[in-house]
Amino acid sequence: MSKQAGFTLIELIMVIVILGILAATALPKFVDLSDDAQDAATQGVAGALASAGTINFATCSLRGASGVDCTLTSGVLCSTVAAAILEGGVPGGYAVTGDIPSCSVDTSPATSAVAVTVPAI
């Protein structure tokens, strides 16, 4: 008689399940998504600034018939314009630098930065 030795299918499946549970509990300790989240938040602030500038310019252009000069300006500090056109101002922890139309939004302290073009009137 030949005697077969080995593992049953149930035993193999249980080992795979246990390894999967161990991997799922250990994975968050090795994966740090905070840098990606910070970059996404900075891009969100930069997008809000660009959108607010575009909406501000479009509104002025539509009302331009009333004698308001809607020509684009340059050389104005981005931080001044951002404080004026963003509702509530620039969020805490972010700095807006540069001169209109080339602005830069970065975190404070600077860990990520996003360049943005902001039309201003």
PDB file of N, CA and C in Angstrom:
ATOM      1  N   MET A   1       0.823  -1.183   0.000  1.00  0.00           N
ATOM      2  CA  MET A   1       0.000   0.000   0.000  1.00  0.00           C
ATOM      3  C   MET A   1       0.868   1.247   0.000  1.00  0.00           C
ATOM      4  N   SER A   2       0.445   2.177  -0.810  1.00  0.00           N
ATOM      5  CA  SER A   2       1.176   3.449  -0.816  1.00  0.00           C
ATOM      6  C   SER A   2       0.461   4.440   0.089  1.00  0.00           C
ATOM      7  N   LYS A   3       1.249   5.156   0.835  1.00  0.00           N
ATOM      8  CA  LYS A   3       0.693   6.134   1.771  1.00  0.00           C
ATOM      9  C   LYS A   3       0.933   7.529   1.203  1.00  0.00           C
ATOM     10  N   GLN A   4      -0.142   8.304   1.034  1.00  0.00           N
ATOM     11  CA  GLN A   4      -0.011   9.654   0.494  1.00  0.00           C
ATOM     12  C   GLN A   4       0.148  10.643   1.641  1.00  0.00           C
ATOM     13  N   ALA A   5       1.051  11.588   1.456  1.00  0.00           N
ATOM     14  CA  ALA A   5       1.263  12.629   2.469  1.00  0.00           C
ATOM     15  C   ALA A   5       1.087  13.986   1.801  1.00  0.00           C
ATOM     16  N   GLY A   6       0.552  14.936   2.544  1.00  0.00           N
ATOM     17  CA  GLY A   6       0.346  16.279   2.001  1.00  0.00           C
ATOM     18  C   GLY A   6      -0.716  17.011   2.788  1.00  0.00           C
ATOM     19  N   PHE A   7      -1.065  18.183   2.292  1.00  0.00           N
ATOM     20  CA  PHE A   7      -2.065  19.016   2.956  1.00  0.00           C
ATOM     21  C   PHE A   7      -3.390  18.898   2.219  1.00  0.00           C
ATOM     22  N   THR A   8      -4.454  18.997   2.953  1.00  0.00           N
ATOM     23  CA  THR A   8      -5.774  18.980   2.324  1.00  0.00           C
ATOM     24  C   THR A   8      -6.079  20.371   1.778  1.00  0.00           C
ATOM     25  N   LEU A   9      -7.068  20.429   0.944  1.00  0.00           N
ATOM     26  CA  LEU A   9      -7.462  21.703   0.346  1.00  0.00           C
ATOM     27  C   LEU A   9      -7.933  22.686   1.415  1.00  0.00           C
ATOM     28  N   ILE A  10      -8.634  22.216   2.410  1.00  0.00           N
ATOM     29  CA  ILE A  10      -9.120  23.075   3.492  1.00  0.00           C
ATOM     30  C   ILE A  10      -7.945  23.690   4.251  1.00  0.00           C
ATOM     31  N   GLU A  11      -6.931  22.896   4.526  1.00  0.00           N
ATOM     32  CA  GLU A  11      -5.762  23.421   5.241  1.00  0.00           C
ATOM     33  C   GLU A  11      -5.058  24.503   4.425  1.00  0.00           C
ATOM     34  N   LEU A  12      -4.919  24.291   3.147  1.00  0.00           N
ATOM     35  CA  LEU A  12      -4.277  25.296   2.288  1.00  0.00           C
ATOM     36  C   LEU A  12      -5.093  26.587   2.239  1.00  0.00           C
ATOM     37  N   ILE A  13      -6.396  26.468   2.136  1.00  0.00           N
ATOM     38  CA  ILE A  13      -7.256  27.658   2.103  1.00  0.00           C
ATOM     39  C   ILE A  13      -7.170  28.414   3.423  1.00  0.00           C
ATOM     40  N   MET A  14      -7.145  27.710   4.537  1.00  0.00           N
ATOM     41  CA  MET A  14      -7.048  28.371   5.841  1.00  0.00           C
ATOM     42  C   MET A  14      -5.729  29.130   5.983  1.00  0.00           C
ATOM     43  N   VAL A  15      -4.644  28.565   5.500  1.00  0.00           N
ATOM     44  CA  VAL A  15      -3.350  29.253   5.552  1.00  0.00           C
ATOM     45  C   VAL A  15      -3.395  30.522   4.711  1.00  0.00           C
ATOM     46  N   ILE A  16      -3.990  30.461   3.534  1.00  0.00           N
ATOM     47  CA  ILE A  16      -4.097  31.639   2.668  1.00  0.00           C
ATOM     48  C   ILE A  16      -4.960  32.709   3.322  1.00  0.00           C
ATOM     49  N   VAL A  17      -6.053  32.307   3.956  1.00  0.00           N
ATOM     50  CA  VAL A  17      -6.926  33.269   4.639  1.00  0.00           C
ATOM     51  C   VAL A  17      -6.186  33.935   5.795  1.00  0.00           C
ATOM     52  N   ILE A  18      -5.466  33.160   6.581  1.00  0.00           N
ATOM     53  CA  ILE A  18      -4.715  33.733   7.711  1.00  0.00           C
ATOM     54  C   ILE A  18      -3.640  34.691   7.208  1.00  0.00           C
ATOM     55  N   LEU A  19      -2.933  34.337   6.148  1.00  0.00           N
ATOM     56  CA  LEU A  19      -1.931  35.241   5.575  1.00  0.00           C
ATOM     57  C   LEU A  19      -2.573  36.523   5.044  1.00  0.00           C
ATOM     58  N   GLY A  20      -3.749  36.406   4.456  1.00  0.00           N
ATOM     59  CA  GLY A  20      -4.459  37.591   3.973  1.00  0.00           C
ATOM     60  C   GLY A  20      -4.860  38.517   5.100  1.00  0.00           C
ATOM     61  N   ILE A  21      -5.328  37.957   6.201  1.00  0.00           N
ATOM     62  CA  ILE A  21      -5.710  38.776   7.359  1.00  0.00           C
ATOM     63  C   ILE A  21      -4.484  39.472   7.946  1.00  0.00           C
ATOM     64  N   LEU A  22      -3.385  38.755   8.064  1.00  0.00           N
ATOM     65  CA  LEU A  22      -2.153  39.367   8.576  1.00  0.00           C
ATOM     66  C   LEU A  22      -1.659  40.481   7.658  1.00  0.00           C
ATOM     67  N   ALA A  23      -1.734  40.274   6.358  1.00  0.00           N
ATOM     68  CA  ALA A  23      -1.302  41.301   5.409  1.00  0.00           C
ATOM     69  C   ALA A  23      -2.199  42.527   5.486  1.00  0.00           C
ATOM     70  N   ALA A  24      -3.499  42.324   5.644  1.00  0.00           N
ATOM     71  CA  ALA A  24      -4.431  43.456   5.708  1.00  0.00           C
ATOM     72  C   ALA A  24      -4.233  44.276   6.975  1.00  0.00           C
ATOM     73  N   THR A  25      -3.853  43.639   8.062  1.00  0.00           N
ATOM     74  CA  THR A  25      -3.636  44.400   9.300  1.00  0.00           C
ATOM     75  C   THR A  25      -2.268  45.066   9.317  1.00  0.00           C
ATOM     76  N   ALA A  26      -1.290  44.515   8.620  1.00  0.00           N
ATOM     77  CA  ALA A  26       0.057  45.088   8.615  1.00  0.00           C
ATOM     78  C   ALA A  26       0.234  46.154   7.545  1.00  0.00           C
ATOM     79  N   LEU A  27      -0.560  46.129   6.492  1.00  0.00           N
ATOM     80  CA  LEU A  27      -0.380  47.051   5.373  1.00  0.00           C
ATOM     81  C   LEU A  27      -0.487  48.523   5.753  1.00  0.00           C
ATOM     82  N   PRO A  28      -1.456  48.952   6.549  1.00  0.00           N
ATOM     83  CA  PRO A  28      -1.532  50.381   6.883  1.00  0.00           C
ATOM     84  C   PRO A  28      -0.304  50.913   7.614  1.00  0.00           C
ATOM     85  N   LYS A  29       0.441  50.048   8.269  1.00  0.00           N
ATOM     86  CA  LYS A  29       1.649  50.495   8.959  1.00  0.00           C
ATOM     87  C   LYS A  29       2.758  50.839   7.975  1.00  0.00           C
ATOM     88  N   PHE A  30       2.708  50.269   6.783  1.00  0.00           N
ATOM     89  CA  PHE A  30       3.758  50.478   5.798  1.00  0.00           C
ATOM     90  C   PHE A  30       3.377  51.474   4.707  1.00  0.00           C
ATOM     91  N   VAL A  31       2.111  51.774   4.576  1.00  0.00           N
ATOM     92  CA  VAL A  31       1.646  52.689   3.538  1.00  0.00           C
ATOM     93  C   VAL A  31       1.285  54.020   4.181  1.00  0.00           C
ATOM     94  N   ASP A  32       1.927  55.085   3.723  1.00  0.00           N
ATOM     95  CA  ASP A  32       1.650  56.420   4.244  1.00  0.00           C
ATOM     96  C   ASP A  32       1.122  57.276   3.098  1.00  0.00           C
ATOM     97  N   LEU A  33      -0.144  57.632   3.167  1.00  0.00           N
ATOM     98  CA  LEU A  33      -0.773  58.416   2.107  1.00  0.00           C
ATOM     99  C   LEU A  33      -0.860  59.899   2.450  1.00  0.00           C
ATOM    100  N   SER A  34      -0.217  60.322   3.526  1.00  0.00           N
ATOM    101  CA  SER A  34      -0.353  61.719   3.943  1.00  0.00           C
ATOM    102  C   SER A  34       0.276  62.679   2.933  1.00  0.00           C
ATOM    103  N   ASP A  35       1.369  62.278   2.279  1.00  0.00           N
ATOM    104  CA  ASP A  35       1.974  63.151   1.267  1.00  0.00           C
ATOM    105  C   ASP A  35       1.039  63.338   0.077  1.00  0.00           C
ATOM    106  N   ASP A  36       0.414  62.255  -0.360  1.00  0.00           N
ATOM    107  CA  ASP A  36      -0.539  62.352  -1.467  1.00  0.00           C
ATOM    108  C   ASP A  36      -1.738  63.209  -1.083  1.00  0.00           C
ATOM    109  N   ALA A  37      -2.199  63.066   0.142  1.00  0.00           N
ATOM    110  CA  ALA A  37      -3.331  63.869   0.604  1.00  0.00           C
ATOM    111  C   ALA A  37      -2.960  65.345   0.672  1.00  0.00           C
ATOM    112  N   GLN A  38      -1.750  65.653   1.119  1.00  0.00           N
ATOM    113  CA  GLN A  38      -1.297  67.046   1.192  1.00  0.00           C
ATOM    114  C   GLN A  38      -1.184  67.650  -0.204  1.00  0.00           C
ATOM    115  N   ASP A  39      -0.646  66.888  -1.151  1.00  0.00           N
ATOM    116  CA  ASP A  39      -0.551  67.373  -2.531  1.00  0.00           C
ATOM    117  C   ASP A  39      -1.934  67.629  -3.120  1.00  0.00           C
ATOM    118  N   ALA A  40      -2.871  66.730  -2.871  1.00  0.00           N
ATOM    119  CA  ALA A  40      -4.229  66.902  -3.389  1.00  0.00           C
ATOM    120  C   ALA A  40      -4.906  68.120  -2.768  1.00  0.00           C
ATOM    121  N   ALA A  41      -4.687  68.347  -1.484  1.00  0.00           N
ATOM    122  CA  ALA A  41      -5.281  69.515  -0.829  1.00  0.00           C
ATOM    123  C   ALA A  41      -4.690  70.810  -1.377  1.00  0.00           C
ATOM    124  N   THR A  42      -3.387  70.818  -1.627  1.00  0.00           N
ATOM    125  CA  THR A  42      -2.745  72.006  -2.200  1.00  0.00           C
ATOM    126  C   THR A  42      -3.272  72.271  -3.605  1.00  0.00           C
ATOM    127  N   GLN A  43      -3.451  71.220  -4.386  1.00  0.00           N
ATOM    128  CA  GLN A  43      -4.021  71.382  -5.723  1.00  0.00           C
ATOM    129  C   GLN A  43      -5.454  71.880  -5.648  1.00  0.00           C
ATOM    130  N   GLY A  44      -6.183  71.476  -4.624  1.00  0.00           N
ATOM    131  CA  GLY A  44      -7.551  71.963  -4.437  1.00  0.00           C
ATOM    132  C   GLY A  44      -7.591  73.449  -4.144  1.00  0.00           C
ATOM    133  N   VAL A  45      -6.688  73.928  -3.292  1.00  0.00           N
ATOM    134  CA  VAL A  45      -6.629  75.363  -2.987  1.00  0.00           C
ATOM    135  C   VAL A  45      -6.221  76.143  -4.232  1.00  0.00           C
ATOM    136  N   ALA A  46      -5.255  75.617  -4.991  1.00  0.00           N
ATOM    137  CA  ALA A  46      -4.833  76.287  -6.222  1.00  0.00           C
ATOM    138  C   ALA A  46      -5.970  76.320  -7.241  1.00  0.00           C
ATOM    139  N   GLY A  47      -6.715  75.244  -7.348  1.00  0.00           N
ATOM    140  CA  GLY A  47      -7.862  75.212  -8.257  1.00  0.00           C
ATOM    141  C   GLY A  47      -8.944  76.185  -7.846  1.00  0.00           C
ATOM    142  N   ALA A  48      -9.178  76.301  -6.545  1.00  0.00           N
ATOM    143  CA  ALA A  48     -10.170  77.264  -6.056  1.00  0.00           C
ATOM    144  C   ALA A  48      -9.741  78.686  -6.370  1.00  0.00           C
ATOM    145  N   LEU A  49      -8.457  78.966  -6.228  1.00  0.00           N
ATOM    146  CA  LEU A  49      -7.943  80.306  -6.528  1.00  0.00           C
ATOM    147  C   LEU A  49      -8.075  80.626  -8.017  1.00  0.00           C
ATOM    148  N   ALA A  50      -7.719  79.679  -8.873  1.00  0.00           N
ATOM    149  CA  ALA A  50      -7.842  79.897 -10.317  1.00  0.00           C
ATOM    150  C   ALA A  50      -9.300  80.063 -10.726  1.00  0.00           C
ATOM    151  N   SER A  51     -10.186  79.255 -10.169  1.00  0.00           N
ATOM    152  CA  SER A  51     -11.612  79.357 -10.492  1.00  0.00           C
ATOM    153  C   SER A  51     -12.196  80.679 -10.021  1.00  0.00           C
ATOM    154  N   ALA A  52     -11.824  81.098  -8.822  1.00  0.00           N
ATOM    155  CA  ALA A  52     -12.334  82.367  -8.303  1.00  0.00           C
ATOM    156  C   ALA A  52     -11.868  83.534  -9.161  1.00  0.00           C
ATOM    157  N   GLY A  53     -10.612  83.501  -9.605  1.00  0.00           N
ATOM    158  CA  GLY A  53     -10.115  84.560 -10.479  1.00  0.00           C
ATOM    159  C   GLY A  53     -10.830  84.582 -11.816  1.00  0.00           C
ATOM    160  N   THR A  54     -11.083  83.411 -12.375  1.00  0.00           N
ATOM    161  CA  THR A  54     -11.786  83.322 -13.655  1.00  0.00           C
ATOM    162  C   THR A  54     -13.225  83.797 -13.529  1.00  0.00           C
ATOM    163  N   ILE A  55     -13.904  83.400 -12.465  1.00  0.00           N
ATOM    164  CA  ILE A  55     -15.285  83.846 -12.247  1.00  0.00           C
ATOM    165  C   ILE A  55     -15.331  85.351 -12.029  1.00  0.00           C
ATOM    166  N   ASN A  56     -14.366  85.878 -11.287  1.00  0.00           N
ATOM    167  CA  ASN A  56     -14.298  87.319 -11.048  1.00  0.00           C
ATOM    168  C   ASN A  56     -14.113  88.080 -12.363  1.00  0.00           C
ATOM    169  N   PHE A  57     -13.221  87.582 -13.215  1.00  0.00           N
ATOM    170  CA  PHE A  57     -12.984  88.240 -14.498  1.00  0.00           C
ATOM    171  C   PHE A  57     -14.206  88.125 -15.408  1.00  0.00           C
ATOM    172  N   ALA A  58     -14.850  86.958 -15.436  1.00  0.00           N
ATOM    173  CA  ALA A  58     -16.042  86.782 -16.275  1.00  0.00           C
ATOM    174  C   ALA A  58     -17.175  87.690 -15.815  1.00  0.00           C
ATOM    175  N   THR A  59     -17.350  87.822 -14.510  1.00  0.00           N
ATOM    176  CA  THR A  59     -18.395  88.702 -13.982  1.00  0.00           C
ATOM    177  C   THR A  59     -18.137  90.141 -14.375  1.00  0.00           C
ATOM    178  N   CYS A  60     -16.893  90.564 -14.270  1.00  0.00           N
ATOM    179  CA  CYS A  60     -16.557  91.936 -14.649  1.00  0.00           C
ATOM    180  C   CYS A  60     -16.759  92.146 -16.149  1.00  0.00           C
ATOM    181  N   SER A  61     -16.398  91.148 -16.945  1.00  0.00           N
ATOM    182  CA  SER A  61     -16.566  91.277 -18.392  1.00  0.00           C
ATOM    183  C   SER A  61     -18.032  91.401 -18.776  1.00  0.00           C
ATOM    184  N   LEU A  62     -18.904  90.671 -18.096  1.00  0.00           N
ATOM    185  CA  LEU A  62     -20.335  90.760 -18.390  1.00  0.00           C
ATOM    186  C   LEU A  62     -20.910  92.107 -17.974  1.00  0.00           C
ATOM    187  N   ARG A  63     -20.382  92.664 -16.924  1.00  0.00           N
ATOM    188  CA  ARG A  63     -20.861  93.959 -16.446  1.00  0.00           C
ATOM    189  C   ARG A  63     -20.030  95.107 -17.008  1.00  0.00           C
ATOM    190  N   GLY A  64     -19.181  94.818 -17.976  1.00  0.00           N
ATOM    191  CA  GLY A  64     -18.271  95.818 -18.522  1.00  0.00           C
ATOM    192  C   GLY A  64     -18.959  96.994 -19.182  1.00  0.00           C
ATOM    193  N   ALA A  65     -20.197  96.830 -19.571  1.00  0.00           N
ATOM    194  CA  ALA A  65     -20.916  97.912 -20.236  1.00  0.00           C
ATOM    195  C   ALA A  65     -21.176  99.084 -19.299  1.00  0.00           C
ATOM    196  N   SER A  66     -21.063  98.860 -17.998  1.00  0.00           N
ATOM    197  CA  SER A  66     -21.349  99.932 -17.045  1.00  0.00           C
ATOM    198  C   SER A  66     -20.158 100.855 -16.835  1.00  0.00           C
ATOM    199  N   GLY A  67     -19.122 100.707 -17.639  1.00  0.00           N
ATOM    200  CA  GLY A  67     -17.980 101.600 -17.556  1.00  0.00           C
ATOM    201  C   GLY A  67     -16.847 101.095 -16.683  1.00  0.00           C
ATOM    202  N   VAL A  68     -16.936  99.864 -16.207  1.00  0.00           N
ATOM    203  CA  VAL A  68     -15.871  99.304 -15.380  1.00  0.00           C
ATOM    204  C   VAL A  68     -14.790  98.750 -16.291  1.00  0.00           C
ATOM    205  N   ASP A  69     -13.542  99.071 -16.004  1.00  0.00           N
ATOM    206  CA  ASP A  69     -12.424  98.592 -16.802  1.00  0.00           C
ATOM    207  C   ASP A  69     -12.083  97.164 -16.379  1.00  0.00           C
ATOM    208  N   CYS A  70     -12.235  96.229 -17.298  1.00  0.00           N
ATOM    209  CA  CYS A  70     -11.995  94.822 -16.977  1.00  0.00           C
ATOM    210  C   CYS A  70     -10.712  94.300 -17.611  1.00  0.00           C
ATOM    211  N   THR A  71      -9.771  95.153 -17.881  1.00  0.00           N
ATOM    212  CA  THR A  71      -8.511  94.680 -18.444  1.00  0.00           C
ATOM    213  C   THR A  71      -7.736  93.920 -17.375  1.00  0.00           C
ATOM    214  N   LEU A  72      -7.000  92.934 -17.824  1.00  0.00           N
ATOM    215  CA  LEU A  72      -6.218  92.135 -16.891  1.00  0.00           C
ATOM    216  C   LEU A  72      -5.045  92.951 -16.370  1.00  0.00           C
ATOM    217  N   THR A  73      -4.803  92.836 -15.088  1.00  0.00           N
ATOM    218  CA  THR A  73      -3.675  93.528 -14.478  1.00  0.00           C
ATOM    219  C   THR A  73      -2.546  92.538 -14.260  1.00  0.00           C
ATOM    220  N   SER A  74      -1.362  93.062 -14.100  1.00  0.00           N
ATOM    221  CA  SER A  74      -0.224  92.211 -13.766  1.00  0.00           C
ATOM    222  C   SER A  74       0.640  92.963 -12.765  1.00  0.00           C
ATOM    223  N   GLY A  75       1.463  92.223 -12.058  1.00  0.00           N
ATOM    224  CA  GLY A  75       2.342  92.831 -11.081  1.00  0.00           C
ATOM    225  C   GLY A  75       1.731  92.999  -9.700  1.00  0.00           C
ATOM    226  N   VAL A  76       0.467  92.644  -9.533  1.00  0.00           N
ATOM    227  CA  VAL A  76      -0.183  92.728  -8.227  1.00  0.00           C
ATOM    228  C   VAL A  76       0.181  91.466  -7.447  1.00  0.00           C
ATOM    229  N   LEU A  77       0.375  91.592  -6.156  1.00  0.00           N
ATOM    230  CA  LEU A  77       0.710  90.430  -5.335  1.00  0.00           C
ATOM    231  C   LEU A  77      -0.432  89.416  -5.342  1.00  0.00           C
ATOM    232  N   CYS A  78      -0.088  88.172  -5.558  1.00  0.00           N
ATOM    233  CA  CYS A  78      -1.092  87.100  -5.567  1.00  0.00           C
ATOM    234  C   CYS A  78      -1.774  86.965  -4.211  1.00  0.00           C
ATOM    235  N   SER A  79      -1.032  87.198  -3.139  1.00  0.00           N
ATOM    236  CA  SER A  79      -1.621  87.055  -1.806  1.00  0.00           C
ATOM    237  C   SER A  79      -2.715  88.089  -1.581  1.00  0.00           C
ATOM    238  N   THR A  80      -2.552  89.286  -2.136  1.00  0.00           N
ATOM    239  CA  THR A  80      -3.572  90.327  -2.004  1.00  0.00           C
ATOM    240  C   THR A  80      -4.836  89.940  -2.757  1.00  0.00           C
ATOM    241  N   VAL A  81      -4.666  89.460  -3.984  1.00  0.00           N
ATOM    242  CA  VAL A  81      -5.811  89.065  -4.800  1.00  0.00           C
ATOM    243  C   VAL A  81      -6.500  87.841  -4.195  1.00  0.00           C
ATOM    244  N   ALA A  82      -5.720  86.875  -3.722  1.00  0.00           N
ATOM    245  CA  ALA A  82      -6.304  85.660  -3.147  1.00  0.00           C
ATOM    246  C   ALA A  82      -7.150  85.983  -1.928  1.00  0.00           C
ATOM    247  N   ALA A  83      -6.682  86.893  -1.095  1.00  0.00           N
ATOM    248  CA  ALA A  83      -7.454  87.265   0.094  1.00  0.00           C
ATOM    249  C   ALA A  83      -8.758  87.942  -0.295  1.00  0.00           C
ATOM    250  N   ALA A  84      -8.763  88.634  -1.438  1.00  0.00           N
ATOM    251  CA  ALA A  84      -9.960  89.365  -1.856  1.00  0.00           C
ATOM    252  C   ALA A  84     -10.983  88.474  -2.560  1.00  0.00           C
ATOM    253  N   ILE A  85     -10.529  87.511  -3.357  1.00  0.00           N
ATOM    254  CA  ILE A  85     -11.481  86.756  -4.178  1.00  0.00           C
ATOM    255  C   ILE A  85     -11.875  85.408  -3.585  1.00  0.00           C
ATOM    256  N   LEU A  86     -11.096  84.868  -2.656  1.00  0.00           N
ATOM    257  CA  LEU A  86     -11.476  83.605  -2.020  1.00  0.00           C
ATOM    258  C   LEU A  86     -12.359  83.899  -0.816  1.00  0.00           C
ATOM    259  N   GLU A  87     -13.526  83.277  -0.787  1.00  0.00           N
ATOM    260  CA  GLU A  87     -14.425  83.489   0.341  1.00  0.00           C
ATOM    261  C   GLU A  87     -13.765  82.938   1.604  1.00  0.00           C
ATOM    262  N   GLY A  88     -13.579  83.791   2.583  1.00  0.00           N
ATOM    263  CA  GLY A  88     -12.900  83.386   3.807  1.00  0.00           C
ATOM    264  C   GLY A  88     -11.394  83.527   3.724  1.00  0.00           C
ATOM    265  N   GLY A  89     -10.879  83.991   2.594  1.00  0.00           N
ATOM    266  CA  GLY A  89      -9.436  84.161   2.435  1.00  0.00           C
ATOM    267  C   GLY A  89      -8.725  82.842   2.179  1.00  0.00           C
ATOM    268  N   VAL A  90      -7.421  82.912   2.205  1.00  0.00           N
ATOM    269  CA  VAL A  90      -6.603  81.720   1.985  1.00  0.00           C
ATOM    270  C   VAL A  90      -6.691  80.834   3.229  1.00  0.00           C
ATOM    271  N   PRO A  91      -6.948  79.540   3.058  1.00  0.00           N
ATOM    272  CA  PRO A  91      -7.052  78.652   4.225  1.00  0.00           C
ATOM    273  C   PRO A  91      -5.761  78.640   5.044  1.00  0.00           C
ATOM    274  N   GLY A  92      -5.892  78.409   6.328  1.00  0.00           N
ATOM    275  CA  GLY A  92      -4.726  78.339   7.194  1.00  0.00           C
ATOM    276  C   GLY A  92      -3.798  77.210   6.779  1.00  0.00           C
ATOM    277  N   GLY A  93      -2.516  77.445   6.899  1.00  0.00           N
ATOM    278  CA  GLY A  93      -1.539  76.429   6.527  1.00  0.00           C
ATOM    279  C   GLY A  93      -1.094  76.509   5.081  1.00  0.00           C
ATOM    280  N   TYR A  94      -1.607  77.482   4.333  1.00  0.00           N
ATOM    281  CA  TYR A  94      -1.229  77.655   2.932  1.00  0.00           C
ATOM    282  C   TYR A  94      -0.711  79.070   2.726  1.00  0.00           C
ATOM    283  N   ALA A  95       0.219  79.208   1.792  1.00  0.00           N
ATOM    284  CA  ALA A  95       0.757  80.519   1.446  1.00  0.00           C
ATOM    285  C   ALA A  95       0.627  80.711  -0.057  1.00  0.00           C
ATOM    286  N   VAL A  96       0.228  81.910  -0.450  1.00  0.00           N
ATOM    287  CA  VAL A  96       0.122  82.253  -1.870  1.00  0.00           C
ATOM    288  C   VAL A  96       1.203  83.280  -2.154  1.00  0.00           C
ATOM    289  N   THR A  97       2.069  82.969  -3.106  1.00  0.00           N
ATOM    290  CA  THR A  97       3.184  83.853  -3.434  1.00  0.00           C
ATOM    291  C   THR A  97       3.187  84.151  -4.923  1.00  0.00           C
ATOM    292  N   GLY A  98       3.970  85.136  -5.309  1.00  0.00           N
ATOM    293  CA  GLY A  98       4.118  85.504  -6.706  1.00  0.00           C
ATOM    294  C   GLY A  98       3.335  86.750  -7.048  1.00  0.00           C
ATOM    295  N   ASP A  99       3.429  87.129  -8.316  1.00  0.00           N
ATOM    296  CA  ASP A  99       2.707  88.282  -8.850  1.00  0.00           C
ATOM    297  C   ASP A  99       1.736  87.795  -9.911  1.00  0.00           C
ATOM    298  N   ILE A 100       0.576  88.447  -9.980  1.00  0.00           N
ATOM    299  CA  ILE A 100      -0.445  88.110 -10.970  1.00  0.00           C
ATOM    300  C   ILE A 100       0.166  88.239 -12.355  1.00  0.00           C
ATOM    301  N   PRO A 101      -0.061  87.338 -13.274  1.00  0.00           N
ATOM    302  CA  PRO A 101      -0.955  86.180 -13.244  1.00  0.00           C
ATOM    303  C   PRO A 101      -0.289  84.875 -12.796  1.00  0.00           C
ATOM    304  N   SER A 102       1.009  84.885 -12.504  1.00  0.00           N
ATOM    305  CA  SER A 102       1.712  83.644 -12.140  1.00  0.00           C
ATOM    306  C   SER A 102       1.829  83.531 -10.626  1.00  0.00           C
ATOM    307  N   CYS A 103       0.982  82.710 -10.050  1.00  0.00           N
ATOM    308  CA  CYS A 103       0.966  82.535  -8.599  1.00  0.00           C
ATOM    309  C   CYS A 103       1.444  81.132  -8.244  1.00  0.00           C
ATOM    310  N   SER A 104       1.806  80.973  -6.998  1.00  0.00           N
ATOM    311  CA  SER A 104       2.188  79.676  -6.476  1.00  0.00           C
ATOM    312  C   SER A 104       1.500  79.472  -5.137  1.00  0.00           C
ATOM    313  N   VAL A 105       0.864  78.330  -4.990  1.00  0.00           N
ATOM    314  CA  VAL A 105       0.214  77.975  -3.730  1.00  0.00           C
ATOM    315  C   VAL A 105       1.044  76.867  -3.109  1.00  0.00           C
ATOM    316  N   ASP A 106       1.491  77.073  -1.877  1.00  0.00           N
ATOM    317  CA  ASP A 106       2.249  76.036  -1.195  1.00  0.00           C
ATOM    318  C   ASP A 106       1.836  75.946   0.260  1.00  0.00           C
ATOM    319  N   THR A 107       2.228  74.840   0.848  1.00  0.00           N
ATOM    320  CA  THR A 107       1.901  74.632   2.253  1.00  0.00           C
ATOM    321  C   THR A 107       2.897  75.399   3.105  1.00  0.00           C
ATOM    322  N   SER A 108       2.523  75.641   4.308  1.00  0.00           N
ATOM    323  CA  SER A 108       3.412  76.348   5.224  1.00  0.00           C
ATOM    324  C   SER A 108       3.606  75.474   6.453  1.00  0.00           C
ATOM    325  N   PRO A 109       4.727  74.859   6.687  1.00  0.00           N
ATOM    326  CA  PRO A 109       5.989  74.977   5.961  1.00  0.00           C
ATOM    327  C   PRO A 109       5.909  74.289   4.597  1.00  0.00           C
ATOM    328  N   ALA A 110       6.711  74.768   3.673  1.00  0.00           N
ATOM    329  CA  ALA A 110       6.610  74.341   2.277  1.00  0.00           C
ATOM    330  C   ALA A 110       7.002  72.874   2.114  1.00  0.00           C
ATOM    331  N   THR A 111       6.009  72.038   1.856  1.00  0.00           N
ATOM    332  CA  THR A 111       6.258  70.633   1.535  1.00  0.00           C
ATOM    333  C   THR A 111       5.750  70.295   0.143  1.00  0.00           C
ATOM    334  N   SER A 112       4.786  71.059  -0.353  1.00  0.00           N
ATOM    335  CA  SER A 112       4.301  70.854  -1.716  1.00  0.00           C
ATOM    336  C   SER A 112       3.843  72.198  -2.256  1.00  0.00           C
ATOM    337  N   ALA A 113       4.056  72.399  -3.549  1.00  0.00           N
ATOM    338  CA  ALA A 113       3.686  73.669  -4.177  1.00  0.00           C
ATOM    339  C   ALA A 113       3.025  73.395  -5.515  1.00  0.00           C
ATOM    340  N   VAL A 114       2.097  74.288  -5.889  1.00  0.00           N
ATOM    341  CA  VAL A 114       1.390  74.175  -7.162  1.00  0.00           C
ATOM    342  C   VAL A 114       1.408  75.543  -7.822  1.00  0.00           C
ATOM    343  N   ALA A 115       1.836  75.589  -9.082  1.00  0.00           N
ATOM    344  CA  ALA A 115       1.802  76.833  -9.847  1.00  0.00           C
ATOM    345  C   ALA A 115       0.419  76.991 -10.456  1.00  0.00           C
ATOM    346  N   VAL A 116      -0.098  78.216 -10.446  1.00  0.00           N
ATOM    347  CA  VAL A 116      -1.445  78.470 -10.951  1.00  0.00           C
ATOM    348  C   VAL A 116      -1.466  79.829 -11.637  1.00  0.00           C
ATOM    349  N   THR A 117      -2.247  79.934 -12.714  1.00  0.00           N
ATOM    350  CA  THR A 117      -2.434  81.204 -13.409  1.00  0.00           C
ATOM    351  C   THR A 117      -3.761  81.791 -12.972  1.00  0.00           C
ATOM    352  N   VAL A 118      -3.715  83.016 -12.458  1.00  0.00           N
ATOM    353  CA  VAL A 118      -4.912  83.662 -11.924  1.00  0.00           C
ATOM    354  C   VAL A 118      -5.150  84.964 -12.677  1.00  0.00           C
ATOM    355  N   PRO A 119      -6.248  85.054 -13.439  1.00  0.00           N
ATOM    356  CA  PRO A 119      -6.576  86.342 -14.049  1.00  0.00           C
ATOM    357  C   PRO A 119      -7.125  87.280 -12.983  1.00  0.00           C
ATOM    358  N   ALA A 120      -6.684  88.496 -12.994  1.00  0.00           N
ATOM    359  CA  ALA A 120      -7.180  89.474 -12.019  1.00  0.00           C
ATOM    360  C   ALA A 120      -7.454  90.774 -12.743  1.00  0.00           C
ATOM    361  N   ILE A 121      -8.451  91.496 -12.265  1.00  0.00           N
ATOM    362  CA  ILE A 121      -8.802  92.777 -12.866  1.00  0.00           C
ATOM    363  C   ILE A 121      -8.448  93.892 -11.922  1.00  0.00           C
TER     364      ILE A 121
END
